[in-house]
Amino acid sequence: IAGSLDARIDIGDIVLATDAMEHD
């Protein structure tokens, strides 16, 4: 599970990674 960073994405929706980065 994850927290949305995009206002278009609602709770329950799915995000499939195109790529990944370490934000910290």
mmCIF file of all heavy atoms, coordinates in Angstrom:
data_MODEL
# 
_entry.id   MODEL 
# 
loop_
_atom_site.group_PDB 
_atom_site.id 
_atom_site.type_symbol 
_atom_site.label_atom_id 
_atom_site.label_alt_id 
_atom_site.label_comp_id 
_atom_site.label_asym_id 
_atom_site.label_entity_id 
_atom_site.label_seq_id 
_atom_site.pdbx_PDB_ins_code 
_atom_site.Cartn_x 
_atom_site.Cartn_y 
_atom_site.Cartn_z 
_atom_site.occupancy 
_atom_site.B_iso_or_equiv 
_atom_site.pdbx_formal_charge 
_atom_site.auth_seq_id 
_atom_site.auth_comp_id 
_atom_site.auth_asym_id 
_atom_site.auth_atom_id 
_atom_site.pdbx_PDB_model_num 
ATOM 1   N N   . ILE A 1 1  ? 0.836   -1.185 0.000   1.00 0.00 ? 1  ILE A N   1 
ATOM 2   C CA  . ILE A 1 1  ? 0.000   0.000  0.000   1.00 0.00 ? 1  ILE A CA  1 
ATOM 3   C C   . ILE A 1 1  ? 0.874   1.239  0.000   1.00 0.00 ? 1  ILE A C   1 
ATOM 4   O O   . ILE A 1 1  ? 2.075   1.173  0.272   1.00 0.00 ? 1  ILE A O   1 
ATOM 5   C CB  . ILE A 1 1  ? -0.965  0.009  1.199   1.00 0.00 ? 1  ILE A CB  1 
ATOM 6   C CG1 . ILE A 1 1  ? -0.180  -0.028 2.504   1.00 0.00 ? 1  ILE A CG1 1 
ATOM 7   C CG2 . ILE A 1 1  ? -1.945  -1.156 1.099   1.00 0.00 ? 1  ILE A CG2 1 
ATOM 8   C CD1 . ILE A 1 1  ? -1.049  0.059  3.733   1.00 0.00 ? 1  ILE A CD1 1 
ATOM 9   N N   . ALA A 1 2  ? 0.273   2.388  -0.321  1.00 0.00 ? 2  ALA A N   1 
ATOM 10  C CA  . ALA A 1 2  ? 1.042   3.620  -0.438  1.00 0.00 ? 2  ALA A CA  1 
ATOM 11  C C   . ALA A 1 2  ? 0.141   4.826  -0.221  1.00 0.00 ? 2  ALA A C   1 
ATOM 12  O O   . ALA A 1 2  ? -1.084  4.728  -0.256  1.00 0.00 ? 2  ALA A O   1 
ATOM 13  C CB  . ALA A 1 2  ? 1.694   3.706  -1.828  1.00 0.00 ? 2  ALA A CB  1 
ATOM 14  N N   . GLY A 1 3  ? 0.778   5.954  -0.028  1.00 0.00 ? 3  GLY A N   1 
ATOM 15  C CA  . GLY A 1 3  ? 0.073   7.225  0.061   1.00 0.00 ? 3  GLY A CA  1 
ATOM 16  C C   . GLY A 1 3  ? 0.127   7.953  -1.263  1.00 0.00 ? 3  GLY A C   1 
ATOM 17  O O   . GLY A 1 3  ? 1.175   8.018  -1.906  1.00 0.00 ? 3  GLY A O   1 
ATOM 18  N N   . SER A 1 4  ? -0.981  8.500  -1.687  1.00 0.00 ? 4  SER A N   1 
ATOM 19  C CA  . SER A 1 4  ? -1.055  9.191  -2.971  1.00 0.00 ? 4  SER A CA  1 
ATOM 20  C C   . SER A 1 4  ? -0.310  10.525 -2.926  1.00 0.00 ? 4  SER A C   1 
ATOM 21  O O   . SER A 1 4  ? -0.384  11.268 -1.953  1.00 0.00 ? 4  SER A O   1 
ATOM 22  C CB  . SER A 1 4  ? -2.517  9.437  -3.341  1.00 0.00 ? 4  SER A CB  1 
ATOM 23  O OG  . SER A 1 4  ? -2.606  10.287 -4.471  1.00 0.00 ? 4  SER A OG  1 
ATOM 24  N N   . LEU A 1 5  ? 0.407   10.825 -4.008  1.00 0.00 ? 5  LEU A N   1 
ATOM 25  C CA  . LEU A 1 5  ? 1.054   12.125 -4.176  1.00 0.00 ? 5  LEU A CA  1 
ATOM 26  C C   . LEU A 1 5  ? 0.394   12.936 -5.286  1.00 0.00 ? 5  LEU A C   1 
ATOM 27  O O   . LEU A 1 5  ? 0.837   14.032 -5.604  1.00 0.00 ? 5  LEU A O   1 
ATOM 28  C CB  . LEU A 1 5  ? 2.546   11.941 -4.509  1.00 0.00 ? 5  LEU A CB  1 
ATOM 29  C CG  . LEU A 1 5  ? 3.426   11.310 -3.435  1.00 0.00 ? 5  LEU A CG  1 
ATOM 30  C CD1 . LEU A 1 5  ? 4.837   11.100 -3.969  1.00 0.00 ? 5  LEU A CD1 1 
ATOM 31  C CD2 . LEU A 1 5  ? 3.445   12.156 -2.172  1.00 0.00 ? 5  LEU A CD2 1 
ATOM 32  N N   . ASP A 1 6  ? -0.648  12.383 -5.868  1.00 0.00 ? 6  ASP A N   1 
ATOM 33  C CA  . ASP A 1 6  ? -1.309  12.987 -7.029  1.00 0.00 ? 6  ASP A CA  1 
ATOM 34  C C   . ASP A 1 6  ? -2.805  13.107 -6.718  1.00 0.00 ? 6  ASP A C   1 
ATOM 35  O O   . ASP A 1 6  ? -3.456  12.121 -6.379  1.00 0.00 ? 6  ASP A O   1 
ATOM 36  C CB  . ASP A 1 6  ? -1.085  12.102 -8.257  1.00 0.00 ? 6  ASP A CB  1 
ATOM 37  C CG  . ASP A 1 6  ? -1.550  12.730 -9.555  1.00 0.00 ? 6  ASP A CG  1 
ATOM 38  O OD1 . ASP A 1 6  ? -2.633  13.351 -9.561  1.00 0.00 ? 6  ASP A OD1 1 
ATOM 39  O OD2 . ASP A 1 6  ? -0.851  12.595 -10.574 1.00 0.00 ? 6  ASP A OD2 1 
ATOM 40  N N   . ALA A 1 7  ? -3.334  14.302 -6.853  1.00 0.00 ? 7  ALA A N   1 
ATOM 41  C CA  . ALA A 1 7  ? -4.732  14.559 -6.487  1.00 0.00 ? 7  ALA A CA  1 
ATOM 42  C C   . ALA A 1 7  ? -5.716  13.737 -7.311  1.00 0.00 ? 7  ALA A C   1 
ATOM 43  O O   . ALA A 1 7  ? -6.850  13.503 -6.881  1.00 0.00 ? 7  ALA A O   1 
ATOM 44  C CB  . ALA A 1 7  ? -5.043  16.046 -6.649  1.00 0.00 ? 7  ALA A CB  1 
ATOM 45  N N   . ARG A 1 8  ? -5.298  13.273 -8.482  1.00 0.00 ? 8  ARG A N   1 
ATOM 46  C CA  . ARG A 1 8  ? -6.193  12.472 -9.318  1.00 0.00 ? 8  ARG A CA  1 
ATOM 47  C C   . ARG A 1 8  ? -6.404  11.068 -8.768  1.00 0.00 ? 8  ARG A C   1 
ATOM 48  O O   . ARG A 1 8  ? -7.374  10.395 -9.114  1.00 0.00 ? 8  ARG A O   1 
ATOM 49  C CB  . ARG A 1 8  ? -5.618  12.347 -10.733 1.00 0.00 ? 8  ARG A CB  1 
ATOM 50  C CG  . ARG A 1 8  ? -5.462  13.652 -11.489 1.00 0.00 ? 8  ARG A CG  1 
ATOM 51  C CD  . ARG A 1 8  ? -4.724  13.396 -12.790 1.00 0.00 ? 8  ARG A CD  1 
ATOM 52  N NE  . ARG A 1 8  ? -3.392  12.817 -12.553 1.00 0.00 ? 8  ARG A NE  1 
ATOM 53  C CZ  . ARG A 1 8  ? -2.655  12.191 -13.467 1.00 0.00 ? 8  ARG A CZ  1 
ATOM 54  N NH1 . ARG A 1 8  ? -3.138  12.028 -14.693 1.00 0.00 ? 8  ARG A NH1 1 
ATOM 55  N NH2 . ARG A 1 8  ? -1.454  11.731 -13.171 1.00 0.00 ? 8  ARG A NH2 1 
ATOM 56  N N   . ILE A 1 9  ? -5.499  10.610 -7.925  1.00 0.00 ? 9  ILE A N   1 
ATOM 57  C CA  . ILE A 1 9  ? -5.512  9.225  -7.454  1.00 0.00 ? 9  ILE A CA  1 
ATOM 58  C C   . ILE A 1 9  ? -6.274  9.134  -6.141  1.00 0.00 ? 9  ILE A C   1 
ATOM 59  O O   . ILE A 1 9  ? -5.894  9.754  -5.149  1.00 0.00 ? 9  ILE A O   1 
ATOM 60  C CB  . ILE A 1 9  ? -4.080  8.697  -7.279  1.00 0.00 ? 9  ILE A CB  1 
ATOM 61  C CG1 . ILE A 1 9  ? -3.269  8.915  -8.563  1.00 0.00 ? 9  ILE A CG1 1 
ATOM 62  C CG2 . ILE A 1 9  ? -4.109  7.221  -6.913  1.00 0.00 ? 9  ILE A CG2 1 
ATOM 63  C CD1 . ILE A 1 9  ? -1.809  8.542  -8.434  1.00 0.00 ? 9  ILE A CD1 1 
ATOM 64  N N   . ASP A 1 10 ? -7.342  8.356  -6.133  1.00 0.00 ? 10 ASP A N   1 
ATOM 65  C CA  . ASP A 1 10 ? -8.190  8.220  -4.956  1.00 0.00 ? 10 ASP A CA  1 
ATOM 66  C C   . ASP A 1 10 ? -7.781  7.017  -4.113  1.00 0.00 ? 10 ASP A C   1 
ATOM 67  O O   . ASP A 1 10 ? -7.105  6.093  -4.591  1.00 0.00 ? 10 ASP A O   1 
ATOM 68  C CB  . ASP A 1 10 ? -9.656  8.063  -5.373  1.00 0.00 ? 10 ASP A CB  1 
ATOM 69  C CG  . ASP A 1 10 ? -10.209 9.319  -6.028  1.00 0.00 ? 10 ASP A CG  1 
ATOM 70  O OD1 . ASP A 1 10 ? -9.811  10.416 -5.596  1.00 0.00 ? 10 ASP A OD1 1 
ATOM 71  O OD2 . ASP A 1 10 ? -11.023 9.182  -6.962  1.00 0.00 ? 10 ASP A OD2 1 
ATOM 72  N N   . ILE A 1 11 ? -8.226  7.018  -2.881  1.00 0.00 ? 11 ILE A N   1 
ATOM 73  C CA  . ILE A 1 11 ? -8.010  5.876  -2.007  1.00 0.00 ? 11 ILE A CA  1 
ATOM 74  C C   . ILE A 1 11 ? -8.676  4.644  -2.623  1.00 0.00 ? 11 ILE A C   1 
ATOM 75  O O   . ILE A 1 11 ? -9.823  4.690  -3.061  1.00 0.00 ? 11 ILE A O   1 
ATOM 76  C CB  . ILE A 1 11 ? -8.573  6.167  -0.604  1.00 0.00 ? 11 ILE A CB  1 
ATOM 77  C CG1 . ILE A 1 11 ? -7.729  7.252  0.073   1.00 0.00 ? 11 ILE A CG1 1 
ATOM 78  C CG2 . ILE A 1 11 ? -8.618  4.906  0.246   1.00 0.00 ? 11 ILE A CG2 1 
ATOM 79  C CD1 . ILE A 1 11 ? -8.305  7.793  1.351   1.00 0.00 ? 11 ILE A CD1 1 
ATOM 80  N N   . GLY A 1 12 ? -7.928  3.544  -2.677  1.00 0.00 ? 12 GLY A N   1 
ATOM 81  C CA  . GLY A 1 12 ? -8.406  2.315  -3.303  1.00 0.00 ? 12 GLY A CA  1 
ATOM 82  C C   . GLY A 1 12 ? -7.893  2.110  -4.707  1.00 0.00 ? 12 GLY A C   1 
ATOM 83  O O   . GLY A 1 12 ? -7.882  0.976  -5.210  1.00 0.00 ? 12 GLY A O   1 
ATOM 84  N N   . ASP A 1 13 ? -7.478  3.190  -5.380  1.00 0.00 ? 13 ASP A N   1 
ATOM 85  C CA  . ASP A 1 13 ? -6.926  3.064  -6.732  1.00 0.00 ? 13 ASP A CA  1 
ATOM 86  C C   . ASP A 1 13 ? -5.565  2.362  -6.693  1.00 0.00 ? 13 ASP A C   1 
ATOM 87  O O   . ASP A 1 13 ? -4.923  2.253  -5.648  1.00 0.00 ? 13 ASP A O   1 
ATOM 88  C CB  . ASP A 1 13 ? -6.768  4.436  -7.383  1.00 0.00 ? 13 ASP A CB  1 
ATOM 89  C CG  . ASP A 1 13 ? -8.103  5.058  -7.773  1.00 0.00 ? 13 ASP A CG  1 
ATOM 90  O OD1 . ASP A 1 13 ? -9.105  4.324  -7.836  1.00 0.00 ? 13 ASP A OD1 1 
ATOM 91  O OD2 . ASP A 1 13 ? -8.135  6.287  -8.013  1.00 0.00 ? 13 ASP A OD2 1 
ATOM 92  N N   . ILE A 1 14 ? -5.116  1.918  -7.867  1.00 0.00 ? 14 ILE A N   1 
ATOM 93  C CA  . ILE A 1 14 ? -3.862  1.191  -8.001  1.00 0.00 ? 14 ILE A CA  1 
ATOM 94  C C   . ILE A 1 14 ? -2.853  2.034  -8.785  1.00 0.00 ? 14 ILE A C   1 
ATOM 95  O O   . ILE A 1 14 ? -3.203  2.660  -9.786  1.00 0.00 ? 14 ILE A O   1 
ATOM 96  C CB  . ILE A 1 14 ? -4.073  -0.152 -8.730  1.00 0.00 ? 14 ILE A CB  1 
ATOM 97  C CG1 . ILE A 1 14 ? -4.931  -1.107 -7.890  1.00 0.00 ? 14 ILE A CG1 1 
ATOM 98  C CG2 . ILE A 1 14 ? -2.748  -0.793 -9.124  1.00 0.00 ? 14 ILE A CG2 1 
ATOM 99  C CD1 . ILE A 1 14 ? -4.197  -1.785 -6.755  1.00 0.00 ? 14 ILE A CD1 1 
ATOM 100 N N   . VAL A 1 15 ? -1.606  2.018  -8.329  1.00 0.00 ? 15 VAL A N   1 
ATOM 101 C CA  . VAL A 1 15 ? -0.502  2.625  -9.072  1.00 0.00 ? 15 VAL A CA  1 
ATOM 102 C C   . VAL A 1 15 ? 0.476   1.524  -9.471  1.00 0.00 ? 15 VAL A C   1 
ATOM 103 O O   . VAL A 1 15 ? 0.916   0.732  -8.626  1.00 0.00 ? 15 VAL A O   1 
ATOM 104 C CB  . VAL A 1 15 ? 0.229   3.692  -8.248  1.00 0.00 ? 15 VAL A CB  1 
ATOM 105 C CG1 . VAL A 1 15 ? 1.465   4.196  -9.001  1.00 0.00 ? 15 VAL A CG1 1 
ATOM 106 C CG2 . VAL A 1 15 ? -0.693  4.863  -7.932  1.00 0.00 ? 15 VAL A CG2 1 
ATOM 107 N N   . LEU A 1 16 ? 0.810   1.469  -10.752 1.00 0.00 ? 16 LEU A N   1 
ATOM 108 C CA  . LEU A 1 16 ? 1.811   0.547  -11.278 1.00 0.00 ? 16 LEU A CA  1 
ATOM 109 C C   . LEU A 1 16 ? 3.050   1.360  -11.614 1.00 0.00 ? 16 LEU A C   1 
ATOM 110 O O   . LEU A 1 16 ? 2.978   2.355  -12.327 1.00 0.00 ? 16 LEU A O   1 
ATOM 111 C CB  . LEU A 1 16 ? 1.288   -0.158 -12.534 1.00 0.00 ? 16 LEU A CB  1 
ATOM 112 C CG  . LEU A 1 16 ? -0.059  -0.871 -12.399 1.00 0.00 ? 16 LEU A CG  1 
ATOM 113 C CD1 . LEU A 1 16 ? -0.510  -1.406 -13.757 1.00 0.00 ? 16 LEU A CD1 1 
ATOM 114 C CD2 . LEU A 1 16 ? 0.024   -2.011 -11.381 1.00 0.00 ? 16 LEU A CD2 1 
ATOM 115 N N   . ALA A 1 17 ? 4.196   0.931  -11.125 1.00 0.00 ? 17 ALA A N   1 
ATOM 116 C CA  . ALA A 1 17 ? 5.419   1.712  -11.295 1.00 0.00 ? 17 ALA A CA  1 
ATOM 117 C C   . ALA A 1 17 ? 5.920   1.687  -12.726 1.00 0.00 ? 17 ALA A C   1 
ATOM 118 O O   . ALA A 1 17 ? 6.029   0.624  -13.338 1.00 0.00 ? 17 ALA A O   1 
ATOM 119 C CB  . ALA A 1 17 ? 6.509   1.186  -10.367 1.00 0.00 ? 17 ALA A CB  1 
ATOM 120 N N   . THR A 1 18 ? 6.218   2.873  -13.240 1.00 0.00 ? 18 THR A N   1 
ATOM 121 C CA  . THR A 1 18 ? 7.018   2.970  -14.462 1.00 0.00 ? 18 THR A CA  1 
ATOM 122 C C   . THR A 1 18 ? 8.493   2.981  -14.107 1.00 0.00 ? 18 THR A C   1 
ATOM 123 O O   . THR A 1 18 ? 9.335   2.491  -14.856 1.00 0.00 ? 18 THR A O   1 
ATOM 124 C CB  . THR A 1 18 ? 6.671   4.236  -15.253 1.00 0.00 ? 18 THR A CB  1 
ATOM 125 O OG1 . THR A 1 18 ? 6.826   5.382  -14.384 1.00 0.00 ? 18 THR A OG1 1 
ATOM 126 C CG2 . THR A 1 18 ? 5.257   4.186  -15.774 1.00 0.00 ? 18 THR A CG2 1 
ATOM 127 N N   . ASP A 1 19 ? 8.797   3.578  -12.951 1.00 0.00 ? 19 ASP A N   1 
ATOM 128 C CA  . ASP A 1 19 ? 10.144  3.544  -12.395 1.00 0.00 ? 19 ASP A CA  1 
ATOM 129 C C   . ASP A 1 19 ? 10.056  3.855  -10.904 1.00 0.00 ? 19 ASP A C   1 
ATOM 130 O O   . ASP A 1 19 ? 8.964   4.109  -10.381 1.00 0.00 ? 19 ASP A O   1 
ATOM 131 C CB  . ASP A 1 19 ? 11.092  4.510  -13.120 1.00 0.00 ? 19 ASP A CB  1 
ATOM 132 C CG  . ASP A 1 19 ? 10.634  5.961  -13.085 1.00 0.00 ? 19 ASP A CG  1 
ATOM 133 O OD1 . ASP A 1 19 ? 10.080  6.406  -12.046 1.00 0.00 ? 19 ASP A OD1 1 
ATOM 134 O OD2 . ASP A 1 19 ? 10.835  6.681  -14.076 1.00 0.00 ? 19 ASP A OD2 1 
ATOM 135 N N   . ALA A 1 20 ? 11.196  3.826  -10.230 1.00 0.00 ? 20 ALA A N   1 
ATOM 136 C CA  . ALA A 1 20 ? 11.205  4.067  -8.791  1.00 0.00 ? 20 ALA A CA  1 
ATOM 137 C C   . ALA A 1 20 ? 12.446  4.843  -8.392  1.00 0.00 ? 20 ALA A C   1 
ATOM 138 O O   . ALA A 1 20 ? 13.509  4.715  -9.015  1.00 0.00 ? 20 ALA A O   1 
ATOM 139 C CB  . ALA A 1 20 ? 11.156  2.736  -8.029  1.00 0.00 ? 20 ALA A CB  1 
ATOM 140 N N   . MET A 1 21 ? 12.298  5.666  -7.333  1.00 0.00 ? 21 MET A N   1 
ATOM 141 C CA  . MET A 1 21 ? 13.415  6.417  -6.763  1.00 0.00 ? 21 MET A CA  1 
ATOM 142 C C   . MET A 1 21 ? 13.313  6.412  -5.241  1.00 0.00 ? 21 MET A C   1 
ATOM 143 O O   . MET A 1 21 ? 12.224  6.259  -4.681  1.00 0.00 ? 21 MET A O   1 
ATOM 144 C CB  . MET A 1 21 ? 13.424  7.870  -7.256  1.00 0.00 ? 21 MET A CB  1 
ATOM 145 C CG  . MET A 1 21 ? 13.837  8.069  -8.693  1.00 0.00 ? 21 MET A CG  1 
ATOM 146 S SD  . MET A 1 21 ? 13.998  9.837  -9.100  1.00 0.00 ? 21 MET A SD  1 
ATOM 147 C CE  . MET A 1 21 ? 15.515  10.254 -8.197  1.00 0.00 ? 21 MET A CE  1 
ATOM 148 N N   . GLU A 1 22 ? 14.457  6.616  -4.578  1.00 0.00 ? 22 GLU A N   1 
ATOM 149 C CA  . GLU A 1 22 ? 14.507  6.733  -3.127  1.00 0.00 ? 22 GLU A CA  1 
ATOM 150 C C   . GLU A 1 22 ? 14.447  8.216  -2.755  1.00 0.00 ? 22 GLU A C   1 
ATOM 151 O O   . GLU A 1 22 ? 15.420  8.947  -2.935  1.00 0.00 ? 22 GLU A O   1 
ATOM 152 C CB  . GLU A 1 22 ? 15.784  6.092  -2.609  1.00 0.00 ? 22 GLU A CB  1 
ATOM 153 C CG  . GLU A 1 22 ? 15.887  4.607  -2.926  1.00 0.00 ? 22 GLU A CG  1 
ATOM 154 C CD  . GLU A 1 22 ? 17.294  4.073  -2.756  1.00 0.00 ? 22 GLU A CD  1 
ATOM 155 O OE1 . GLU A 1 22 ? 17.803  4.078  -1.616  1.00 0.00 ? 22 GLU A OE1 1 
ATOM 156 O OE2 . GLU A 1 22 ? 17.889  3.667  -3.783  1.00 0.00 ? 22 GLU A OE2 1 
ATOM 157 N N   . HIS A 1 23 ? 13.318  8.650  -2.220  1.00 0.00 ? 23 HIS A N   1 
ATOM 158 C CA  . HIS A 1 23 ? 13.148  10.084 -1.964  1.00 0.00 ? 23 HIS A CA  1 
ATOM 159 C C   . HIS A 1 23 ? 13.967  10.578 -0.780  1.00 0.00 ? 23 HIS A C   1 
ATOM 160 O O   . HIS A 1 23 ? 14.216  11.779 -0.644  1.00 0.00 ? 23 HIS A O   1 
ATOM 161 C CB  . HIS A 1 23 ? 11.666  10.435 -1.769  1.00 0.00 ? 23 HIS A CB  1 
ATOM 162 C CG  . HIS A 1 23 ? 11.038  9.928  -0.516  1.00 0.00 ? 23 HIS A CG  1 
ATOM 163 N ND1 . HIS A 1 23 ? 11.332  10.429 0.726   1.00 0.00 ? 23 HIS A ND1 1 
ATOM 164 C CD2 . HIS A 1 23 ? 10.090  8.962  -0.314  1.00 0.00 ? 23 HIS A CD2 1 
ATOM 165 C CE1 . HIS A 1 23 ? 10.606  9.804  1.642   1.00 0.00 ? 23 HIS A CE1 1 
ATOM 166 N NE2 . HIS A 1 23 ? 9.850   8.898  1.041   1.00 0.00 ? 23 HIS A NE2 1 
ATOM 167 N N   . ASP A 1 24 ? 14.429  9.661  0.070   1.00 0.00 ? 24 ASP A N   1 
ATOM 168 C CA  . ASP A 1 24 ? 15.217  10.092 1.232   1.00 0.00 ? 24 ASP A CA  1 
ATOM 169 C C   . ASP A 1 24 ? 16.723  9.964  1.013   1.00 0.00 ? 24 ASP A C   1 
ATOM 170 O O   . ASP A 1 24 ? 17.505  10.169 1.944   1.00 0.00 ? 24 ASP A O   1 
ATOM 171 C CB  . ASP A 1 24 ? 14.791  9.318  2.484   1.00 0.00 ? 24 ASP A CB  1 
ATOM 172 C CG  . ASP A 1 24 ? 14.996  7.808  2.370   1.00 0.00 ? 24 ASP A CG  1 
ATOM 173 O OD1 . ASP A 1 24 ? 15.268  7.326  1.246   1.00 0.00 ? 24 ASP A OD1 1 
ATOM 174 O OD2 . ASP A 1 24 ? 14.875  7.119  3.394   1.00 0.00 ? 24 ASP A OD2 1 
# 
